[in-house]
Amino acid sequence: FTTLDNYSYFAVDPSVTIVDDESENQYIK
């Protein structure tokens, strides 16, 4: 059993405007 607080991860940056669906996985932060 593991508990994580302030877990860090990389994900798509929602603040970047996506031009088309094919580019949605390119801007990672």
PDB file of all heavy atoms in Angstrom:
ATOM      1  N   PHE A   1       0.859  -1.184   0.000  1.00  0.00           N
ATOM      2  CA  PHE A   1       0.000   0.000   0.000  1.00  0.00           C
ATOM      3  C   PHE A   1       0.892   1.230   0.000  1.00  0.00           C
ATOM      4  O   PHE A   1       1.744   1.386   0.875  1.00  0.00           O
ATOM      5  CB  PHE A   1      -0.913   0.006   1.225  1.00  0.00           C
ATOM      6  CG  PHE A   1      -1.744   1.248   1.350  1.00  0.00           C
ATOM      7  CD1 PHE A   1      -2.831   1.454   0.522  1.00  0.00           C
ATOM      8  CD2 PHE A   1      -1.439   2.221   2.298  1.00  0.00           C
ATOM      9  CE1 PHE A   1      -3.601   2.608   0.629  1.00  0.00           C
ATOM     10  CE2 PHE A   1      -2.194   3.371   2.418  1.00  0.00           C
ATOM     11  CZ  PHE A   1      -3.283   3.564   1.575  1.00  0.00           C
ATOM     12  N   THR A   2       0.698   2.110  -0.989  1.00  0.00           N
ATOM     13  CA  THR A   2       1.540   3.297  -1.164  1.00  0.00           C
ATOM     14  C   THR A   2       0.678   4.549  -1.203  1.00  0.00           C
ATOM     15  O   THR A   2      -0.357   4.582  -1.880  1.00  0.00           O
ATOM     16  CB  THR A   2       2.361   3.205  -2.458  1.00  0.00           C
ATOM     17  OG1 THR A   2       3.134   2.010  -2.455  1.00  0.00           O
ATOM     18  CG2 THR A   2       3.295   4.400  -2.599  1.00  0.00           C
ATOM     19  N   THR A   3       1.126   5.571  -0.480  1.00  0.00           N
ATOM     20  CA  THR A   3       0.478   6.883  -0.511  1.00  0.00           C
ATOM     21  C   THR A   3       1.471   7.911  -1.049  1.00  0.00           C
ATOM     22  O   THR A   3       2.609   7.983  -0.584  1.00  0.00           O
ATOM     23  CB  THR A   3       0.020   7.303   0.889  1.00  0.00           C
ATOM     24  OG1 THR A   3      -0.927   6.355   1.376  1.00  0.00           O
ATOM     25  CG2 THR A   3      -0.639   8.670   0.854  1.00  0.00           C
ATOM     26  N   LEU A   4       1.021   8.701  -2.031  1.00  0.00           N
ATOM     27  CA  LEU A   4       1.860   9.714  -2.665  1.00  0.00           C
ATOM     28  C   LEU A   4       1.238  11.093  -2.472  1.00  0.00           C
ATOM     29  O   LEU A   4       0.052  11.291  -2.748  1.00  0.00           O
ATOM     30  CB  LEU A   4       2.007   9.428  -4.165  1.00  0.00           C
ATOM     31  CG  LEU A   4       2.578   8.063  -4.554  1.00  0.00           C
ATOM     32  CD1 LEU A   4       2.415   7.830  -6.047  1.00  0.00           C
ATOM     33  CD2 LEU A   4       4.039   7.956  -4.162  1.00  0.00           C
ATOM     34  N   ASP A   5       2.053  12.030  -2.015  1.00  0.00           N
ATOM     35  CA  ASP A   5       1.635  13.428  -1.910  1.00  0.00           C
ATOM     36  C   ASP A   5       2.584  14.289  -2.742  1.00  0.00           C
ATOM     37  O   ASP A   5       3.796  14.070  -2.743  1.00  0.00           O
ATOM     38  CB  ASP A   5       1.654  13.886  -0.450  1.00  0.00           C
ATOM     39  CG  ASP A   5       0.592  13.203   0.382  1.00  0.00           C
ATOM     40  OD1 ASP A   5      -0.599  13.440   0.135  1.00  0.00           O
ATOM     41  OD2 ASP A   5       0.965  12.411   1.282  1.00  0.00           O
ATOM     42  N   ASN A   6       2.027  15.273  -3.427  1.00  0.00           N
ATOM     43  CA  ASN A   6       2.795  16.131  -4.345  1.00  0.00           C
ATOM     44  C   ASN A   6       3.479  15.291  -5.422  1.00  0.00           C
ATOM     45  O   ASN A   6       4.637  15.517  -5.771  1.00  0.00           O
ATOM     46  CB  ASN A   6       3.840  16.951  -3.584  1.00  0.00           C
ATOM     47  CG  ASN A   6       3.229  17.866  -2.556  1.00  0.00           C
ATOM     48  OD1 ASN A   6       2.167  18.445  -2.794  1.00  0.00           O
ATOM     49  ND2 ASN A   6       3.868  17.985  -1.404  1.00  0.00           N
ATOM     50  N   TYR A   7       2.740  14.326  -5.935  1.00  0.00           N
ATOM     51  CA  TYR A   7       3.284  13.442  -6.967  1.00  0.00           C
ATOM     52  C   TYR A   7       3.559  14.234  -8.242  1.00  0.00           C
ATOM     53  O   TYR A   7       2.704  14.990  -8.725  1.00  0.00           O
ATOM     54  CB  TYR A   7       2.300  12.309  -7.245  1.00  0.00           C
ATOM     55  CG  TYR A   7       2.727  11.375  -8.343  1.00  0.00           C
ATOM     56  CD1 TYR A   7       3.872  10.597  -8.221  1.00  0.00           C
ATOM     57  CD2 TYR A   7       1.982  11.272  -9.520  1.00  0.00           C
ATOM     58  CE1 TYR A   7       4.266   9.742  -9.233  1.00  0.00           C
ATOM     59  CE2 TYR A   7       2.351  10.413 -10.531  1.00  0.00           C
ATOM     60  CZ  TYR A   7       3.496   9.650 -10.386  1.00  0.00           C
ATOM     61  OH  TYR A   7       3.885   8.802 -11.392  1.00  0.00           O
ATOM     62  N   SER A   8       4.753  14.075  -8.800  1.00  0.00           N
ATOM     63  CA  SER A   8       5.160  14.814 -10.001  1.00  0.00           C
ATOM     64  C   SER A   8       5.006  13.937 -11.233  1.00  0.00           C
ATOM     65  O   SER A   8       5.327  12.736 -11.197  1.00  0.00           O
ATOM     66  CB  SER A   8       6.612  15.278  -9.862  1.00  0.00           C
ATOM     67  OG  SER A   8       6.775  16.092  -8.714  1.00  0.00           O
ATOM     68  N   TYR A   9       4.564  14.537 -12.325  1.00  0.00           N
ATOM     69  CA  TYR A   9       4.323  13.773 -13.553  1.00  0.00           C
ATOM     70  C   TYR A   9       4.383  14.722 -14.746  1.00  0.00           C
ATOM     71  O   TYR A   9       4.290  15.946 -14.605  1.00  0.00           O
ATOM     72  CB  TYR A   9       2.957  13.078 -13.502  1.00  0.00           C
ATOM     73  CG  TYR A   9       1.784  14.027 -13.383  1.00  0.00           C
ATOM     74  CD1 TYR A   9       1.077  14.452 -14.509  1.00  0.00           C
ATOM     75  CD2 TYR A   9       1.391  14.513 -12.138  1.00  0.00           C
ATOM     76  CE1 TYR A   9       0.011  15.330 -14.404  1.00  0.00           C
ATOM     77  CE2 TYR A   9       0.328  15.405 -12.021  1.00  0.00           C
ATOM     78  CZ  TYR A   9      -0.365  15.796 -13.154  1.00  0.00           C
ATOM     79  OH  TYR A   9      -1.416  16.671 -13.055  1.00  0.00           O
ATOM     80  N   PHE A  10       4.550  14.147 -15.920  1.00  0.00           N
ATOM     81  CA  PHE A  10       4.482  14.902 -17.169  1.00  0.00           C
ATOM     82  C   PHE A  10       3.123  14.659 -17.820  1.00  0.00           C
ATOM     83  O   PHE A  10       2.591  13.543 -17.777  1.00  0.00           O
ATOM     84  CB  PHE A  10       5.593  14.471 -18.128  1.00  0.00           C
ATOM     85  CG  PHE A  10       6.962  14.950 -17.729  1.00  0.00           C
ATOM     86  CD1 PHE A  10       7.846  14.104 -17.061  1.00  0.00           C
ATOM     87  CD2 PHE A  10       7.375  16.230 -18.027  1.00  0.00           C
ATOM     88  CE1 PHE A  10       9.107  14.537 -16.695  1.00  0.00           C
ATOM     89  CE2 PHE A  10       8.637  16.677 -17.657  1.00  0.00           C
ATOM     90  CZ  PHE A  10       9.495  15.829 -16.992  1.00  0.00           C
ATOM     91  N   ALA A  11       2.582  15.715 -18.428  1.00  0.00           N
ATOM     92  CA  ALA A  11       1.290  15.605 -19.099  1.00  0.00           C
ATOM     93  C   ALA A  11       1.176  16.698 -20.146  1.00  0.00           C
ATOM     94  O   ALA A  11       2.010  17.619 -20.223  1.00  0.00           O
ATOM     95  CB  ALA A  11       0.143  15.701 -18.098  1.00  0.00           C
ATOM     96  N   VAL A  12       0.136  16.598 -20.963  1.00  0.00           N
ATOM     97  CA  VAL A  12      -0.135  17.604 -21.977  1.00  0.00           C
ATOM     98  C   VAL A  12      -0.402  18.944 -21.301  1.00  0.00           C
ATOM     99  O   VAL A  12      -1.114  19.027 -20.291  1.00  0.00           O
ATOM    100  CB  VAL A  12      -1.343  17.193 -22.838  1.00  0.00           C
ATOM    101  CG1 VAL A  12      -1.715  18.302 -23.814  1.00  0.00           C
ATOM    102  CG2 VAL A  12      -1.044  15.905 -23.582  1.00  0.00           C
ATOM    103  N   ASP A  13       0.204  19.995 -21.822  1.00  0.00           N
ATOM    104  CA  ASP A  13       0.030  21.333 -21.272  1.00  0.00           C
ATOM    105  C   ASP A  13      -1.309  21.905 -21.738  1.00  0.00           C
ATOM    106  O   ASP A  13      -1.486  22.214 -22.919  1.00  0.00           O
ATOM    107  CB  ASP A  13       1.176  22.229 -21.738  1.00  0.00           C
ATOM    108  CG  ASP A  13       1.127  23.608 -21.101  1.00  0.00           C
ATOM    109  OD1 ASP A  13       0.200  23.855 -20.309  1.00  0.00           O
ATOM    110  OD2 ASP A  13       2.008  24.427 -21.398  1.00  0.00           O
ATOM    111  N   PRO A  14      -2.280  22.056 -20.857  1.00  0.00           N
ATOM    112  CA  PRO A  14      -3.601  22.557 -21.286  1.00  0.00           C
ATOM    113  C   PRO A  14      -3.591  24.028 -21.674  1.00  0.00           C
ATOM    114  O   PRO A  14      -4.543  24.512 -22.293  1.00  0.00           O
ATOM    115  CB  PRO A  14      -4.480  22.317 -20.049  1.00  0.00           C
ATOM    116  CG  PRO A  14      -3.526  22.361 -18.899  1.00  0.00           C
ATOM    117  CD  PRO A  14      -2.236  21.787 -19.409  1.00  0.00           C
ATOM    118  N   SER A  15      -2.539  24.752 -21.325  1.00  0.00           N
ATOM    119  CA  SER A  15      -2.497  26.183 -21.635  1.00  0.00           C
ATOM    120  C   SER A  15      -2.091  26.457 -23.072  1.00  0.00           C
ATOM    121  O   SER A  15      -2.225  27.580 -23.553  1.00  0.00           O
ATOM    122  CB  SER A  15      -1.517  26.893 -20.694  1.00  0.00           C
ATOM    123  OG  SER A  15      -0.181  26.460 -20.929  1.00  0.00           O
ATOM    124  N   VAL A  16      -1.588  25.423 -23.779  1.00  0.00           N
ATOM    125  CA  VAL A  16      -1.160  25.603 -25.164  1.00  0.00           C
ATOM    126  C   VAL A  16      -2.340  25.349 -26.089  1.00  0.00           C
ATOM    127  O   VAL A  16      -3.043  24.347 -25.964  1.00  0.00           O
ATOM    128  CB  VAL A  16       0.006  24.651 -25.511  1.00  0.00           C
ATOM    129  CG1 VAL A  16       0.395  24.786 -26.971  1.00  0.00           C
ATOM    130  CG2 VAL A  16       1.200  24.948 -24.611  1.00  0.00           C
ATOM    131  N   THR A  17      -2.569  26.242 -27.006  1.00  0.00           N
ATOM    132  CA  THR A  17      -3.666  26.106 -27.961  1.00  0.00           C
ATOM    133  C   THR A  17      -3.349  25.006 -28.960  1.00  0.00           C
ATOM    134  O   THR A  17      -2.293  25.001 -29.588  1.00  0.00           O
ATOM    135  CB  THR A  17      -3.912  27.426 -28.711  1.00  0.00           C
ATOM    136  OG1 THR A  17      -4.192  28.448 -27.752  1.00  0.00           O
ATOM    137  CG2 THR A  17      -5.077  27.279 -29.677  1.00  0.00           C
ATOM    138  N   ILE A  18      -4.272  24.056 -29.118  1.00  0.00           N
ATOM    139  CA  ILE A  18      -4.087  22.940 -30.043  1.00  0.00           C
ATOM    140  C   ILE A  18      -4.724  23.304 -31.379  1.00  0.00           C
ATOM    141  O   ILE A  18      -5.910  23.634 -31.451  1.00  0.00           O
ATOM    142  CB  ILE A  18      -4.714  21.653 -29.476  1.00  0.00           C
ATOM    143  CG1 ILE A  18      -4.160  21.367 -28.073  1.00  0.00           C
ATOM    144  CG2 ILE A  18      -4.464  20.485 -30.400  1.00  0.00           C
ATOM    145  CD1 ILE A  18      -2.663  21.224 -28.018  1.00  0.00           C
ATOM    146  N   VAL A  19      -3.924  23.220 -32.426  1.00  0.00           N
ATOM    147  CA  VAL A  19      -4.419  23.578 -33.750  1.00  0.00           C
ATOM    148  C   VAL A  19      -5.297  22.484 -34.313  1.00  0.00           C
ATOM    149  O   VAL A  19      -6.348  22.727 -34.881  1.00  0.00           O
ATOM    150  CB  VAL A  19      -3.232  23.859 -34.699  1.00  0.00           C
ATOM    151  CG1 VAL A  19      -3.737  24.181 -36.094  1.00  0.00           C
ATOM    152  CG2 VAL A  19      -2.401  25.014 -34.157  1.00  0.00           C
ATOM    153  N   ASP A  20      -4.889  21.214 -34.159  1.00  0.00           N
ATOM    154  CA  ASP A  20      -5.670  20.093 -34.651  1.00  0.00           C
ATOM    155  C   ASP A  20      -5.469  18.909 -33.712  1.00  0.00           C
ATOM    156  O   ASP A  20      -4.585  18.893 -32.876  1.00  0.00           O
ATOM    157  CB  ASP A  20      -5.269  19.724 -36.084  1.00  0.00           C
ATOM    158  CG  ASP A  20      -3.779  19.436 -36.200  1.00  0.00           C
ATOM    159  OD1 ASP A  20      -3.333  18.400 -35.666  1.00  0.00           O
ATOM    160  OD2 ASP A  20      -3.060  20.255 -36.819  1.00  0.00           O
ATOM    161  N   ASP A  21      -6.313  17.911 -33.857  1.00  0.00           N
ATOM    162  CA  ASP A  21      -6.292  16.769 -32.948  1.00  0.00           C
ATOM    163  C   ASP A  21      -4.989  15.993 -33.023  1.00  0.00           C
ATOM    164  O   ASP A  21      -4.590  15.350 -32.068  1.00  0.00           O
ATOM    165  CB  ASP A  21      -7.464  15.831 -33.254  1.00  0.00           C
ATOM    166  CG  ASP A  21      -8.798  16.474 -32.897  1.00  0.00           C
ATOM    167  OD1 ASP A  21      -8.772  17.415 -32.087  1.00  0.00           O
ATOM    168  OD2 ASP A  21      -9.842  16.037 -33.430  1.00  0.00           O
ATOM    169  N   GLU A  22      -4.328  16.001 -34.180  1.00  0.00           N
ATOM    170  CA  GLU A  22      -3.113  15.223 -34.329  1.00  0.00           C
ATOM    171  C   GLU A  22      -1.958  15.799 -33.522  1.00  0.00           C
ATOM    172  O   GLU A  22      -0.949  15.150 -33.333  1.00  0.00           O
ATOM    173  CB  GLU A  22      -2.719  15.150 -35.809  1.00  0.00           C
ATOM    174  CG  GLU A  22      -3.725  14.374 -36.663  1.00  0.00           C
ATOM    175  CD  GLU A  22      -3.282  14.311 -38.113  1.00  0.00           C
ATOM    176  OE1 GLU A  22      -2.237  14.916 -38.430  1.00  0.00           O
ATOM    177  OE2 GLU A  22      -3.961  13.656 -38.916  1.00  0.00           O
ATOM    178  N   SER A  23      -2.079  17.009 -33.032  1.00  0.00           N
ATOM    179  CA  SER A  23      -0.981  17.654 -32.317  1.00  0.00           C
ATOM    180  C   SER A  23      -1.180  17.687 -30.803  1.00  0.00           C
ATOM    181  O   SER A  23      -0.379  18.250 -30.093  1.00  0.00           O
ATOM    182  CB  SER A  23      -0.800  19.096 -32.822  1.00  0.00           C
ATOM    183  OG  SER A  23      -0.523  19.121 -34.191  1.00  0.00           O
ATOM    184  N   GLU A  24      -2.273  17.032 -30.315  1.00  0.00           N
ATOM    185  CA  GLU A  24      -2.599  17.230 -28.915  1.00  0.00           C
ATOM    186  C   GLU A  24      -1.605  16.584 -27.961  1.00  0.00           C
ATOM    187  O   GLU A  24      -1.616  16.887 -26.768  1.00  0.00           O
ATOM    188  CB  GLU A  24      -4.006  16.719 -28.627  1.00  0.00           C
ATOM    189  CG  GLU A  24      -4.159  15.212 -28.790  1.00  0.00           C
ATOM    190  CD  GLU A  24      -5.545  14.760 -28.375  1.00  0.00           C
ATOM    191  OE1 GLU A  24      -6.224  15.539 -27.695  1.00  0.00           O
ATOM    192  OE2 GLU A  24      -5.929  13.645 -28.726  1.00  0.00           O
ATOM    193  N   ASN A  25      -0.754  15.715 -28.408  1.00  0.00           N
ATOM    194  CA  ASN A  25       0.190  15.070 -27.497  1.00  0.00           C
ATOM    195  C   ASN A  25       1.606  15.608 -27.656  1.00  0.00           C
ATOM    196  O   ASN A  25       2.564  14.937 -27.300  1.00  0.00           O
ATOM    197  CB  ASN A  25       0.189  13.556 -27.725  1.00  0.00           C
ATOM    198  CG  ASN A  25       0.671  13.184 -29.118  1.00  0.00           C
ATOM    199  OD1 ASN A  25       0.694  14.020 -30.000  1.00  0.00           O
ATOM    200  ND2 ASN A  25       1.037  11.926 -29.306  1.00  0.00           N
ATOM    201  N   GLN A  26       1.759  16.800 -28.168  1.00  0.00           N
ATOM    202  CA  GLN A  26       3.100  17.295 -28.456  1.00  0.00           C
ATOM    203  C   GLN A  26       3.640  18.271 -27.410  1.00  0.00           C
ATOM    204  O   GLN A  26       4.837  18.427 -27.292  1.00  0.00           O
ATOM    205  CB  GLN A  26       3.133  17.989 -29.828  1.00  0.00           C
ATOM    206  CG  GLN A  26       2.407  17.261 -30.948  1.00  0.00           C
ATOM    207  CD  GLN A  26       2.703  15.789 -30.990  1.00  0.00           C
ATOM    208  OE1 GLN A  26       3.832  15.390 -30.726  1.00  0.00           O
ATOM    209  NE2 GLN A  26       1.715  14.988 -31.297  1.00  0.00           N
ATOM    210  N   TYR A  27       2.797  18.958 -26.669  1.00  0.00           N
ATOM    211  CA  TYR A  27       3.251  20.012 -25.773  1.00  0.00           C
ATOM    212  C   TYR A  27       3.167  19.511 -24.330  1.00  0.00           C
ATOM    213  O   TYR A  27       2.113  19.550 -23.700  1.00  0.00           O
ATOM    214  CB  TYR A  27       2.417  21.275 -25.979  1.00  0.00           C
ATOM    215  CG  TYR A  27       2.322  21.660 -27.445  1.00  0.00           C
ATOM    216  CD1 TYR A  27       1.093  21.682 -28.092  1.00  0.00           C
ATOM    217  CD2 TYR A  27       3.472  21.952 -28.170  1.00  0.00           C
ATOM    218  CE1 TYR A  27       1.011  22.018 -29.437  1.00  0.00           C
ATOM    219  CE2 TYR A  27       3.397  22.284 -29.511  1.00  0.00           C
ATOM    220  CZ  TYR A  27       2.168  22.312 -30.143  1.00  0.00           C
ATOM    221  OH  TYR A  27       2.095  22.627 -31.473  1.00  0.00           O
ATOM    222  N   ILE A  28       4.276  19.059 -23.830  1.00  0.00           N
ATOM    223  CA  ILE A  28       4.324  18.354 -22.548  1.00  0.00           C
ATOM    224  C   ILE A  28       5.049  19.211 -21.519  1.00  0.00           C
ATOM    225  O   ILE A  28       6.074  19.831 -21.822  1.00  0.00           O
ATOM    226  CB  ILE A  28       5.044  16.995 -22.700  1.00  0.00           C
ATOM    227  CG1 ILE A  28       4.495  16.228 -23.902  1.00  0.00           C
ATOM    228  CG2 ILE A  28       4.929  16.177 -21.428  1.00  0.00           C
ATOM    229  CD1 ILE A  28       3.015  15.975 -23.850  1.00  0.00           C
ATOM    230  N   LYS A  29       4.511  19.234 -20.308  1.00  0.00           N
ATOM    231  CA  LYS A  29       5.142  19.956 -19.206  1.00  0.00           C
ATOM    232  C   LYS A  29       4.992  19.161 -17.909  1.00  0.00           C
ATOM    233  O   LYS A  29       4.111  18.308 -17.799  1.00  0.00           O
ATOM    234  CB  LYS A  29       4.520  21.346 -19.041  1.00  0.00           C
ATOM    235  CG  LYS A  29       5.006  22.357 -20.068  1.00  0.00           C
ATOM    236  CD  LYS A  29       4.657  23.780 -19.651  1.00  0.00           C
ATOM    237  CE  LYS A  29       5.301  24.798 -20.578  1.00  0.00           C
ATOM    238  NZ  LYS A  29       5.012  26.186 -20.176  1.00  0.00           N
TER     239      LYS A  29
END
